[in-house]
Amino acid sequence: MTVRRVRAARLDDVPAGRPLRVDVDGAAVVLVRAGEAVYACGAVCAHKGGPLEDGKLSGTRLACPWHGWMYDVRTGDCVFPGRGARVPTFPTVVDAGAVWVEAAAKSGASC
């Protein structure tokens, strides 16, 4: 499989502590900046479809604004025990002030 990277945003456009919704080859993705790293995950909560771009970010955990389901943006896993839900994650590269996202998901879709 060929890796396809898509320029998703300028690094300066990704605010620290707040998700930014972008389109990556037709997929809704949120970019989050946690420390020096930028992560990308699906923009829709696996529980009831809430908009994760409106969620609250705490470190690498992103909470859905509708019901509070929380995801680790590094893995896509729901951090609440027993829920088994996930959102897809996408590898990112920051190069020359731009955030590049791989078009193919790295980890599973929502359950």
PDB file of N, CA and C in Angstrom:
ATOM      1  N   MET A   1       0.842  -1.188   0.000  1.00  0.00           N
ATOM      2  CA  MET A   1       0.000   0.000   0.000  1.00  0.00           C
ATOM      3  C   MET A   1       0.883   1.246   0.000  1.00  0.00           C
ATOM      4  N   THR A   2       0.556   2.168  -0.862  1.00  0.00           N
ATOM      5  CA  THR A   2       1.276   3.433  -0.951  1.00  0.00           C
ATOM      6  C   THR A   2       0.719   4.403   0.083  1.00  0.00           C
ATOM      7  N   VAL A   3       1.615   5.053   0.800  1.00  0.00           N
ATOM      8  CA  VAL A   3       1.196   6.049   1.789  1.00  0.00           C
ATOM      9  C   VAL A   3       0.945   7.365   1.061  1.00  0.00           C
ATOM     10  N   ARG A   4      -0.244   7.913   1.259  1.00  0.00           N
ATOM     11  CA  ARG A   4      -0.613   9.196   0.647  1.00  0.00           C
ATOM     12  C   ARG A   4      -0.800  10.218   1.757  1.00  0.00           C
ATOM     13  N   ARG A   5      -0.015  11.263   1.711  1.00  0.00           N
ATOM     14  CA  ARG A   5      -0.140  12.325   2.704  1.00  0.00           C
ATOM     15  C   ARG A   5      -0.854  13.516   2.094  1.00  0.00           C
ATOM     16  N   VAL A   6      -1.751  14.086   2.888  1.00  0.00           N
ATOM     17  CA  VAL A   6      -2.552  15.232   2.459  1.00  0.00           C
ATOM     18  C   VAL A   6      -2.214  16.410   3.366  1.00  0.00           C
ATOM     19  N   ARG A   7      -1.962  17.558   2.754  1.00  0.00           N
ATOM     20  CA  ARG A   7      -1.722  18.767   3.563  1.00  0.00           C
ATOM     21  C   ARG A   7      -3.053  19.179   4.167  1.00  0.00           C
ATOM     22  N   ALA A   8      -3.134  19.116   5.491  1.00  0.00           N
ATOM     23  CA  ALA A   8      -4.401  19.344   6.175  1.00  0.00           C
ATOM     24  C   ALA A   8      -4.546  20.764   6.712  1.00  0.00           C
ATOM     25  N   ALA A   9      -3.434  21.372   7.120  1.00  0.00           N
ATOM     26  CA  ALA A   9      -3.506  22.714   7.713  1.00  0.00           C
ATOM     27  C   ALA A   9      -2.104  23.273   7.876  1.00  0.00           C
ATOM     28  N   ARG A  10      -2.055  24.565   8.107  1.00  0.00           N
ATOM     29  CA  ARG A  10      -0.787  25.164   8.551  1.00  0.00           C
ATOM     30  C   ARG A  10      -0.676  24.898  10.045  1.00  0.00           C
ATOM     31  N   LEU A  11       0.515  24.657  10.526  1.00  0.00           N
ATOM     32  CA  LEU A  11       0.708  24.401  11.951  1.00  0.00           C
ATOM     33  C   LEU A  11       0.185  25.567  12.787  1.00  0.00           C
ATOM     34  N   ASP A  12       0.380  26.780  12.321  1.00  0.00           N
ATOM     35  CA  ASP A  12      -0.102  27.965  13.052  1.00  0.00           C
ATOM     36  C   ASP A  12      -1.618  28.007  13.171  1.00  0.00           C
ATOM     37  N   ASP A  13      -2.336  27.278  12.306  1.00  0.00           N
ATOM     38  CA  ASP A  13      -3.800  27.258  12.346  1.00  0.00           C
ATOM     39  C   ASP A  13      -4.356  26.234  13.336  1.00  0.00           C
ATOM     40  N   VAL A  14      -3.478  25.401  13.893  1.00  0.00           N
ATOM     41  CA  VAL A  14      -3.912  24.377  14.854  1.00  0.00           C
ATOM     42  C   VAL A  14      -3.669  24.939  16.254  1.00  0.00           C
ATOM     43  N   PRO A  15      -4.734  25.404  16.916  1.00  0.00           N
ATOM     44  CA  PRO A  15      -4.551  26.055  18.214  1.00  0.00           C
ATOM     45  C   PRO A  15      -4.235  25.040  19.312  1.00  0.00           C
ATOM     46  N   ALA A  16      -3.359  25.418  20.209  1.00  0.00           N
ATOM     47  CA  ALA A  16      -3.066  24.566  21.358  1.00  0.00           C
ATOM     48  C   ALA A  16      -4.317  24.479  22.230  1.00  0.00           C
ATOM     49  N   GLY A  17      -4.707  23.256  22.586  1.00  0.00           N
ATOM     50  CA  GLY A  17      -5.829  23.070  23.504  1.00  0.00           C
ATOM     51  C   GLY A  17      -7.209  23.056  22.887  1.00  0.00           C
ATOM     52  N   ARG A  18      -7.322  23.255  21.551  1.00  0.00           N
ATOM     53  CA  ARG A  18      -8.638  23.235  20.900  1.00  0.00           C
ATOM     54  C   ARG A  18      -8.560  22.435  19.609  1.00  0.00           C
ATOM     55  N   PRO A  19      -9.521  21.545  19.365  1.00  0.00           N
ATOM     56  CA  PRO A  19      -9.514  20.783  18.122  1.00  0.00           C
ATOM     57  C   PRO A  19      -9.850  21.663  16.915  1.00  0.00           C
ATOM     58  N   LEU A  20      -9.303  21.282  15.776  1.00  0.00           N
ATOM     59  CA  LEU A  20      -9.582  21.971  14.516  1.00  0.00           C
ATOM     60  C   LEU A  20     -10.095  20.934  13.526  1.00  0.00           C
ATOM     61  N   ARG A  21     -11.305  21.140  13.007  1.00  0.00           N
ATOM     62  CA  ARG A  21     -11.877  20.210  12.026  1.00  0.00           C
ATOM     63  C   ARG A  21     -11.339  20.542  10.633  1.00  0.00           C
ATOM     64  N   VAL A  22     -10.883  19.494   9.932  1.00  0.00           N
ATOM     65  CA  VAL A  22     -10.393  19.628   8.565  1.00  0.00           C
ATOM     66  C   VAL A  22     -10.944  18.472   7.740  1.00  0.00           C
ATOM     67  N   ASP A  23     -10.815  18.598   6.429  1.00  0.00           N
ATOM     68  CA  ASP A  23     -11.209  17.534   5.523  1.00  0.00           C
ATOM     69  C   ASP A  23      -9.944  16.877   4.985  1.00  0.00           C
ATOM     70  N   VAL A  24      -9.860  15.551   5.083  1.00  0.00           N
ATOM     71  CA  VAL A  24      -8.726  14.798   4.552  1.00  0.00           C
ATOM     72  C   VAL A  24      -9.280  13.777   3.571  1.00  0.00           C
ATOM     73  N   ASP A  25      -9.147  14.072   2.298  1.00  0.00           N
ATOM     74  CA  ASP A  25      -9.663  13.188   1.237  1.00  0.00           C
ATOM     75  C   ASP A  25     -11.117  12.798   1.471  1.00  0.00           C
ATOM     76  N   GLY A  26     -11.948  13.759   1.851  1.00  0.00           N
ATOM     77  CA  GLY A  26     -13.367  13.510   2.046  1.00  0.00           C
ATOM     78  C   GLY A  26     -13.746  13.021   3.430  1.00  0.00           C
ATOM     79  N   ALA A  27     -12.771  12.793   4.288  1.00  0.00           N
ATOM     80  CA  ALA A  27     -13.053  12.343   5.662  1.00  0.00           C
ATOM     81  C   ALA A  27     -12.963  13.525   6.615  1.00  0.00           C
ATOM     82  N   ALA A  28     -13.948  13.638   7.519  1.00  0.00           N
ATOM     83  CA  ALA A  28     -13.930  14.672   8.551  1.00  0.00           C
ATOM     84  C   ALA A  28     -12.962  14.244   9.650  1.00  0.00           C
ATOM     85  N   VAL A  29     -11.965  15.082   9.901  1.00  0.00           N
ATOM     86  CA  VAL A  29     -10.888  14.776  10.843  1.00  0.00           C
ATOM     87  C   VAL A  29     -10.705  15.979  11.752  1.00  0.00           C
ATOM     88  N   VAL A  30     -10.356  15.725  13.014  1.00  0.00           N
ATOM     89  CA  VAL A  30      -9.950  16.825  13.886  1.00  0.00           C
ATOM     90  C   VAL A  30      -8.459  16.712  14.148  1.00  0.00           C
ATOM     91  N   LEU A  31      -7.803  17.858  14.084  1.00  0.00           N
ATOM     92  CA  LEU A  31      -6.399  17.964  14.455  1.00  0.00           C
ATOM     93  C   LEU A  31      -6.334  18.529  15.853  1.00  0.00           C
ATOM     94  N   VAL A  32      -5.479  17.958  16.682  1.00  0.00           N
ATOM     95  CA  VAL A  32      -5.293  18.481  18.026  1.00  0.00           C
ATOM     96  C   VAL A  32      -3.801  18.615  18.295  1.00  0.00           C
ATOM     97  N   ARG A  33      -3.473  19.697  18.960  1.00  0.00           N
ATOM     98  CA  ARG A  33      -2.084  19.974  19.317  1.00  0.00           C
ATOM     99  C   ARG A  33      -1.950  19.729  20.806  1.00  0.00           C
ATOM    100  N   ALA A  34      -1.096  18.775  21.148  1.00  0.00           N
ATOM    101  CA  ALA A  34      -0.846  18.443  22.550  1.00  0.00           C
ATOM    102  C   ALA A  34       0.656  18.545  22.774  1.00  0.00           C
ATOM    103  N   GLY A  35       1.065  19.598  23.446  1.00  0.00           N
ATOM    104  CA  GLY A  35       2.491  19.840  23.598  1.00  0.00           C
ATOM    105  C   GLY A  35       3.093  20.155  22.242  1.00  0.00           C
ATOM    106  N   GLU A  36       4.164  19.459  21.888  1.00  0.00           N
ATOM    107  CA  GLU A  36       4.821  19.669  20.598  1.00  0.00           C
ATOM    108  C   GLU A  36       4.224  18.802  19.493  1.00  0.00           C
ATOM    109  N   ALA A  37       3.369  17.865  19.844  1.00  0.00           N
ATOM    110  CA  ALA A  37       2.824  16.914  18.869  1.00  0.00           C
ATOM    111  C   ALA A  37       1.476  17.369  18.321  1.00  0.00           C
ATOM    112  N   VAL A  38       1.181  16.934  17.089  1.00  0.00           N
ATOM    113  CA  VAL A  38      -0.126  17.143  16.474  1.00  0.00           C
ATOM    114  C   VAL A  38      -0.693  15.774  16.147  1.00  0.00           C
ATOM    115  N   TYR A  39      -1.925  15.524  16.583  1.00  0.00           N
ATOM    116  CA  TYR A  39      -2.602  14.251  16.348  1.00  0.00           C
ATOM    117  C   TYR A  39      -3.834  14.494  15.492  1.00  0.00           C
ATOM    118  N   ALA A  40      -4.242  13.443  14.782  1.00  0.00           N
ATOM    119  CA  ALA A  40      -5.442  13.523  13.941  1.00  0.00           C
ATOM    120  C   ALA A  40      -6.324  12.325  14.242  1.00  0.00           C
ATOM    121  N   CYS A  41      -7.614  12.591  14.439  1.00  0.00           N
ATOM    122  CA  CYS A  41      -8.568  11.498  14.661  1.00  0.00           C
ATOM    123  C   CYS A  41      -9.898  11.865  14.003  1.00  0.00           C
ATOM    124  N   GLY A  42     -10.778  10.885  13.901  1.00  0.00           N
ATOM    125  CA  GLY A  42     -12.090  11.110  13.323  1.00  0.00           C
ATOM    126  C   GLY A  42     -12.827  12.215  14.065  1.00  0.00           C
ATOM    127  N   ALA A  43     -13.645  12.960  13.343  1.00  0.00           N
ATOM    128  CA  ALA A  43     -14.316  14.136  13.901  1.00  0.00           C
ATOM    129  C   ALA A  43     -15.688  13.827  14.490  1.00  0.00           C
ATOM    130  N   VAL A  44     -16.108  12.546  14.451  1.00  0.00           N
ATOM    131  CA  VAL A  44     -17.456  12.189  14.894  1.00  0.00           C
ATOM    132  C   VAL A  44     -17.357  11.182  16.043  1.00  0.00           C
ATOM    133  N   CYS A  45     -18.034  11.481  17.147  1.00  0.00           N
ATOM    134  CA  CYS A  45     -18.041  10.593  18.309  1.00  0.00           C
ATOM    135  C   CYS A  45     -18.674   9.247  17.951  1.00  0.00           C
ATOM    136  N   ALA A  46     -18.063   8.178  18.408  1.00  0.00           N
ATOM    137  CA  ALA A  46     -18.563   6.825  18.134  1.00  0.00           C
ATOM    138  C   ALA A  46     -19.848   6.512  18.899  1.00  0.00           C
ATOM    139  N   HIS A  47     -20.182   7.291  19.911  1.00  0.00           N
ATOM    140  CA  HIS A  47     -21.360   7.019  20.728  1.00  0.00           C
ATOM    141  C   HIS A  47     -22.646   7.431  20.018  1.00  0.00           C
ATOM    142  N   LYS A  48     -22.830   8.730  19.798  1.00  0.00           N
ATOM    143  CA  LYS A  48     -24.055   9.247  19.182  1.00  0.00           C
ATOM    144  C   LYS A  48     -23.790  10.235  18.057  1.00  0.00           C
ATOM    145  N   GLY A  49     -22.539  10.279  17.563  1.00  0.00           N
ATOM    146  CA  GLY A  49     -22.229  11.127  16.427  1.00  0.00           C
ATOM    147  C   GLY A  49     -21.955  12.580  16.750  1.00  0.00           C
ATOM    148  N   GLY A  50     -21.614  12.884  17.979  1.00  0.00           N
ATOM    149  CA  GLY A  50     -21.344  14.269  18.363  1.00  0.00           C
ATOM    150  C   GLY A  50     -20.137  14.846  17.646  1.00  0.00           C
ATOM    151  N   PRO A  51     -20.099  16.173  17.492  1.00  0.00           N
ATOM    152  CA  PRO A  51     -19.012  16.840  16.773  1.00  0.00           C
ATOM    153  C   PRO A  51     -17.786  17.039  17.670  1.00  0.00           C
ATOM    154  N   LEU A  52     -16.767  16.238  17.462  1.00  0.00           N
ATOM    155  CA  LEU A  52     -15.599  16.299  18.339  1.00  0.00           C
ATOM    156  C   LEU A  52     -14.823  17.608  18.218  1.00  0.00           C
ATOM    157  N   GLU A  53     -15.022  18.349  17.120  1.00  0.00           N
ATOM    158  CA  GLU A  53     -14.340  19.643  17.019  1.00  0.00           C
ATOM    159  C   GLU A  53     -14.857  20.630  18.072  1.00  0.00           C
ATOM    160  N   ASP A  54     -16.027  20.372  18.634  1.00  0.00           N
ATOM    161  CA  ASP A  54     -16.569  21.213  19.699  1.00  0.00           C
ATOM    162  C   ASP A  54     -16.245  20.679  21.088  1.00  0.00           C
ATOM    163  N   GLY A  55     -15.473  19.594  21.135  1.00  0.00           N
ATOM    164  CA  GLY A  55     -15.152  18.947  22.403  1.00  0.00           C
ATOM    165  C   GLY A  55     -14.048  19.653  23.159  1.00  0.00           C
ATOM    166  N   LYS A  56     -13.884  19.219  24.407  1.00  0.00           N
ATOM    167  CA  LYS A  56     -12.861  19.786  25.278  1.00  0.00           C
ATOM    168  C   LYS A  56     -11.639  18.870  25.263  1.00  0.00           C
ATOM    169  N   LEU A  57     -10.474  19.473  25.070  1.00  0.00           N
ATOM    170  CA  LEU A  57      -9.219  18.745  25.028  1.00  0.00           C
ATOM    171  C   LEU A  57      -8.491  18.921  26.353  1.00  0.00           C
ATOM    172  N   SER A  58      -8.063  17.790  26.926  1.00  0.00           N
ATOM    173  CA  SER A  58      -7.275  17.812  28.155  1.00  0.00           C
ATOM    174  C   SER A  58      -6.071  16.903  27.928  1.00  0.00           C
ATOM    175  N   GLY A  59      -4.928  17.502  27.658  1.00  0.00           N
ATOM    176  CA  GLY A  59      -3.748  16.708  27.306  1.00  0.00           C
ATOM    177  C   GLY A  59      -3.985  16.023  25.975  1.00  0.00           C
ATOM    178  N   THR A  60      -4.013  14.687  25.990  1.00  0.00           N
ATOM    179  CA  THR A  60      -4.286  13.928  24.767  1.00  0.00           C
ATOM    180  C   THR A  60      -5.672  13.288  24.809  1.00  0.00           C
ATOM    181  N   ARG A  61      -6.528  13.759  25.695  1.00  0.00           N
ATOM    182  CA  ARG A  61      -7.894  13.240  25.795  1.00  0.00           C
ATOM    183  C   ARG A  61      -8.877  14.287  25.293  1.00  0.00           C
ATOM    184  N   LEU A  62      -9.758  13.826  24.395  1.00  0.00           N
ATOM    185  CA  LEU A  62     -10.749  14.708  23.784  1.00  0.00           C
ATOM    186  C   LEU A  62     -12.140  14.225  24.181  1.00  0.00           C
ATOM    187  N   ALA A  63     -12.918  15.099  24.820  1.00  0.00           N
ATOM    188  CA  ALA A  63     -14.260  14.748  25.292  1.00  0.00           C
ATOM    189  C   ALA A  63     -15.316  15.257  24.318  1.00  0.00           C
ATOM    190  N   CYS A  64     -16.267  14.396  23.991  1.00  0.00           N
ATOM    191  CA  CYS A  64     -17.383  14.789  23.138  1.00  0.00           C
ATOM    192  C   CYS A  64     -18.263  15.785  23.901  1.00  0.00           C
ATOM    193  N   PRO A  65     -18.707  16.851  23.234  1.00  0.00           N
ATOM    194  CA  PRO A  65     -19.521  17.854  23.919  1.00  0.00           C
ATOM    195  C   PRO A  65     -20.938  17.374  24.233  1.00  0.00           C
ATOM    196  N   TRP A  66     -21.412  16.314  23.581  1.00  0.00           N
ATOM    197  CA  TRP A  66     -22.789  15.878  23.803  1.00  0.00           C
ATOM    198  C   TRP A  66     -22.954  15.048  25.064  1.00  0.00           C
ATOM    199  N   HIS A  67     -22.166  14.012  25.245  1.00  0.00           N
ATOM    200  CA  HIS A  67     -22.363  13.107  26.381  1.00  0.00           C
ATOM    201  C   HIS A  67     -21.074  12.831  27.153  1.00  0.00           C
ATOM    202  N   GLY A  68     -19.991  13.510  26.788  1.00  0.00           N
ATOM    203  CA  GLY A  68     -18.763  13.403  27.550  1.00  0.00           C
ATOM    204  C   GLY A  68     -17.896  12.185  27.274  1.00  0.00           C
ATOM    205  N   TRP A  69     -18.246  11.384  26.263  1.00  0.00           N
ATOM    206  CA  TRP A  69     -17.369  10.255  25.951  1.00  0.00           C
ATOM    207  C   TRP A  69     -15.996  10.824  25.616  1.00  0.00           C
ATOM    208  N   MET A  70     -14.954  10.198  26.146  1.00  0.00           N
ATOM    209  CA  MET A  70     -13.610  10.732  26.016  1.00  0.00           C
ATOM    210  C   MET A  70     -12.715   9.759  25.268  1.00  0.00           C
ATOM    211  N   TYR A  71     -11.941  10.296  24.335  1.00  0.00           N
ATOM    212  CA  TYR A  71     -11.062   9.495  23.489  1.00  0.00           C
ATOM    213  C   TYR A  71      -9.611   9.941  23.640  1.00  0.00           C
ATOM    214  N   ASP A  72      -8.705   8.968  23.602  1.00  0.00           N
ATOM    215  CA  ASP A  72      -7.279   9.262  23.542  1.00  0.00           C
ATOM    216  C   ASP A  72      -6.958   9.533  22.077  1.00  0.00           C
ATOM    217  N   VAL A  73      -6.551  10.744  21.748  1.00  0.00           N
ATOM    218  CA  VAL A  73      -6.342  11.106  20.344  1.00  0.00           C
ATOM    219  C   VAL A  73      -5.129  10.405  19.745  1.00  0.00           C
ATOM    220  N   ARG A  74      -4.275   9.833  20.575  1.00  0.00           N
ATOM    221  CA  ARG A  74      -3.116   9.100  20.049  1.00  0.00           C
ATOM    222  C   ARG A  74      -3.523   7.740  19.500  1.00  0.00           C
ATOM    223  N   THR A  75      -4.534   7.111  20.112  1.00  0.00           N
ATOM    224  CA  THR A  75      -4.919   5.744  19.743  1.00  0.00           C
ATOM    225  C   THR A  75      -6.334   5.642  19.192  1.00  0.00           C
ATOM    226  N   GLY A  76      -7.181   6.624  19.494  1.00  0.00           N
ATOM    227  CA  GLY A  76      -8.590   6.573  19.107  1.00  0.00           C
ATOM    228  C   GLY A  76      -9.463   5.825  20.091  1.00  0.00           C
ATOM    229  N   ASP A  77      -8.864   5.214  21.108  1.00  0.00           N
ATOM    230  CA  ASP A  77      -9.618   4.417  22.085  1.00  0.00           C
ATOM    231  C   ASP A  77     -10.445   5.300  23.014  1.00  0.00           C
ATOM    232  N   CYS A  78     -11.655   4.839  23.317  1.00  0.00           N
ATOM    233  CA  CYS A  78     -12.454   5.475  24.360  1.00  0.00           C
ATOM    234  C   CYS A  78     -11.785   5.160  25.688  1.00  0.00           C
ATOM    235  N   VAL A  79     -11.596   6.149  26.533  1.00  0.00           N
ATOM    236  CA  VAL A  79     -10.859   5.935  27.785  1.00  0.00           C
ATOM    237  C   VAL A  79     -11.742   5.400  28.906  1.00  0.00           C
ATOM    238  N   PHE A  80     -13.049   5.287  28.686  1.00  0.00           N
ATOM    239  CA  PHE A  80     -13.929   4.741  29.708  1.00  0.00           C
ATOM    240  C   PHE A  80     -13.924   3.221  29.616  1.00  0.00           C
ATOM    241  N   PRO A  81     -13.661   2.525  30.704  1.00  0.00           N
ATOM    242  CA  PRO A  81     -13.595   1.065  30.683  1.00  0.00           C
ATOM    243  C   PRO A  81     -14.902   0.432  30.206  1.00  0.00           C
ATOM    244  N   GLY A  82     -14.760  -0.623  29.414  1.00  0.00           N
ATOM    245  CA  GLY A  82     -15.912  -1.401  28.996  1.00  0.00           C
ATOM    246  C   GLY A  82     -16.704  -0.846  27.834  1.00  0.00           C
ATOM    247  N   ARG A  83     -16.355   0.329  27.334  1.00  0.00           N
ATOM    248  CA  ARG A  83     -17.139   0.906  26.241  1.00  0.00           C
ATOM    249  C   ARG A  83     -16.730   0.318  24.885  1.00  0.00           C
ATOM    250  N   GLY A  84     -15.450   0.029  24.697  1.00  0.00           N
ATOM    251  CA  GLY A  84     -14.994  -0.591  23.468  1.00  0.00           C
ATOM    252  C   GLY A  84     -15.061   0.283  22.234  1.00  0.00           C
ATOM    253  N   ALA A  85     -15.539   1.499  22.349  1.00  0.00           N
ATOM    254  CA  ALA A  85     -15.684   2.388  21.195  1.00  0.00           C
ATOM    255  C   ALA A  85     -14.346   3.016  20.849  1.00  0.00           C
ATOM    256  N   ARG A  86     -14.202   3.352  19.574  1.00  0.00           N
ATOM    257  CA  ARG A  86     -13.006   4.060  19.113  1.00  0.00           C
ATOM    258  C   ARG A  86     -13.378   4.990  17.971  1.00  0.00           C
ATOM    259  N   VAL A  87     -12.500   5.925  17.735  1.00  0.00           N
ATOM    260  CA  VAL A  87     -12.581   6.748  16.545  1.00  0.00           C
ATOM    261  C   VAL A  87     -11.301   6.459  15.754  1.00  0.00           C
ATOM    262  N   PRO A  88     -11.370   6.580  14.423  1.00  0.00           N
ATOM    263  CA  PRO A  88     -10.152   6.317  13.657  1.00  0.00           C
ATOM    264  C   PRO A  88      -9.083   7.353  13.955  1.00  0.00           C
ATOM    265  N   THR A  89      -7.836   6.951  13.863  1.00  0.00           N
ATOM    266  CA  THR A  89      -6.712   7.876  13.997  1.00  0.00           C
ATOM    267  C   THR A  89      -5.911   7.858  12.705  1.00  0.00           C
ATOM    268  N   PHE A  90      -5.195   8.937  12.485  1.00  0.00           N
ATOM    269  CA  PHE A  90      -4.436   9.106  11.260  1.00  0.00           C
ATOM    270  C   PHE A  90      -3.028   9.583  11.605  1.00  0.00           C
ATOM    271  N   PRO A  91      -2.002   8.966  11.047  1.00  0.00           N
ATOM    272  CA  PRO A  91      -0.637   9.440  11.292  1.00  0.00           C
ATOM    273  C   PRO A  91      -0.465  10.863  10.757  1.00  0.00           C
ATOM    274  N   THR A  92       0.316  11.657  11.464  1.00  0.00           N
ATOM    275  CA  THR A  92       0.582  13.032  11.053  1.00  0.00           C
ATOM    276  C   THR A  92       2.079  13.278  10.953  1.00  0.00           C
ATOM    277  N   VAL A  93       2.434  14.238  10.128  1.00  0.00           N
ATOM    278  CA  VAL A  93       3.801  14.714  10.008  1.00  0.00           C
ATOM    279  C   VAL A  93       3.735  16.230   9.955  1.00  0.00           C
ATOM    280  N   VAL A  94       4.581  16.884  10.737  1.00  0.00           N
ATOM    281  CA  VAL A  94       4.692  18.337  10.663  1.00  0.00           C
ATOM    282  C   VAL A  94       5.996  18.637   9.933  1.00  0.00           C
ATOM    283  N   ASP A  95       5.878  19.385   8.827  1.00  0.00           N
ATOM    284  CA  ASP A  95       7.048  19.682   8.013  1.00  0.00           C
ATOM    285  C   ASP A  95       6.902  21.082   7.430  1.00  0.00           C
ATOM    286  N   ALA A  96       7.920  21.889   7.635  1.00  0.00           N
ATOM    287  CA  ALA A  96       7.971  23.247   7.076  1.00  0.00           C
ATOM    288  C   ALA A  96       6.715  24.052   7.390  1.00  0.00           C
ATOM    289  N   GLY A  97       6.225  23.928   8.626  1.00  0.00           N
ATOM    290  CA  GLY A  97       5.082  24.719   9.060  1.00  0.00           C
ATOM    291  C   GLY A  97       3.734  24.212   8.610  1.00  0.00           C
ATOM    292  N   ALA A  98       3.694  23.008   8.018  1.00  0.00           N
ATOM    293  CA  ALA A  98       2.426  22.432   7.567  1.00  0.00           C
ATOM    294  C   ALA A  98       2.182  21.106   8.286  1.00  0.00           C
ATOM    295  N   VAL A  99       0.906  20.785   8.480  1.00  0.00           N
ATOM    296  CA  VAL A  99       0.510  19.502   9.067  1.00  0.00           C
ATOM    297  C   VAL A  99       0.019  18.614   7.933  1.00  0.00           C
ATOM    298  N   TRP A 100       0.653  17.475   7.777  1.00  0.00           N
ATOM    299  CA  TRP A 100       0.305  16.489   6.757  1.00  0.00           C
ATOM    300  C   TRP A 100      -0.316  15.297   7.444  1.00  0.00           C
ATOM    301  N   VAL A 101      -1.385  14.765   6.870  1.00  0.00           N
ATOM    302  CA  VAL A 101      -2.125  13.632   7.439  1.00  0.00           C
ATOM    303  C   VAL A 101      -2.175  12.527   6.419  1.00  0.00           C
ATOM    304  N   GLU A 102      -1.906  11.288   6.865  1.00  0.00           N
ATOM    305  CA  GLU A 102      -2.052  10.147   5.959  1.00  0.00           C
ATOM    306  C   GLU A 102      -3.526   9.908   5.698  1.00  0.00           C
ATOM    307  N   ALA A 103      -3.861   9.667   4.428  1.00  0.00           N
ATOM    308  CA  ALA A 103      -5.254   9.535   4.024  1.00  0.00           C
ATOM    309  C   ALA A 103      -5.893   8.245   4.530  1.00  0.00           C
ATOM    310  N   ALA A 104      -5.128   7.193   4.735  1.00  0.00           N
ATOM    311  CA  ALA A 104      -5.679   5.924   5.216  1.00  0.00           C
ATOM    312  C   ALA A 104      -5.626   5.873   6.740  1.00  0.00           C
ATOM    313  N   ALA A 105      -6.697   5.376   7.359  1.00  0.00           N
ATOM    314  CA  ALA A 105      -6.759   5.300   8.822  1.00  0.00           C
ATOM    315  C   ALA A 105      -5.713   4.330   9.346  1.00  0.00           C
ATOM    316  N   LYS A 106      -5.138   4.664  10.505  1.00  0.00           N
ATOM    317  CA  LYS A 106      -4.121   3.843  11.155  1.00  0.00           C
ATOM    318  C   LYS A 106      -4.757   2.815  12.063  1.00  0.00           C
ATOM    319  N   SER A 107      -5.875   3.156  12.716  1.00  0.00           N
ATOM    320  CA  SER A 107      -6.505   2.226  13.634  1.00  0.00           C
ATOM    321  C   SER A 107      -8.001   2.195  13.388  1.00  0.00           C
ATOM    322  N   GLY A 108      -8.685   1.227  13.986  1.00  0.00           N
ATOM    323  CA  GLY A 108     -10.048   0.860  13.671  1.00  0.00           C
ATOM    324  C   GLY A 108     -11.083   1.962  13.652  1.00  0.00           C
ATOM    325  N   ALA A 109     -12.161   1.668  13.002  1.00  0.00           N
ATOM    326  CA  ALA A 109     -13.309   2.569  12.958  1.00  0.00           C
ATOM    327  C   ALA A 109     -14.151   2.357  14.200  1.00  0.00           C
ATOM    328  N   SER A 110     -15.150   3.190  14.356  1.00  0.00           N
ATOM    329  CA  SER A 110     -15.999   3.069  15.535  1.00  0.00           C
ATOM    330  C   SER A 110     -16.732   1.737  15.579  1.00  0.00           C
ATOM    331  N   CYS A 111     -16.935   1.249  16.782  1.00  0.00           N
ATOM    332  CA  CYS A 111     -17.600  -0.037  16.978  1.00  0.00           C
ATOM    333  C   CYS A 111     -19.081   0.166  17.190  1.00  0.00           C
TER     334      CYS A 111
END
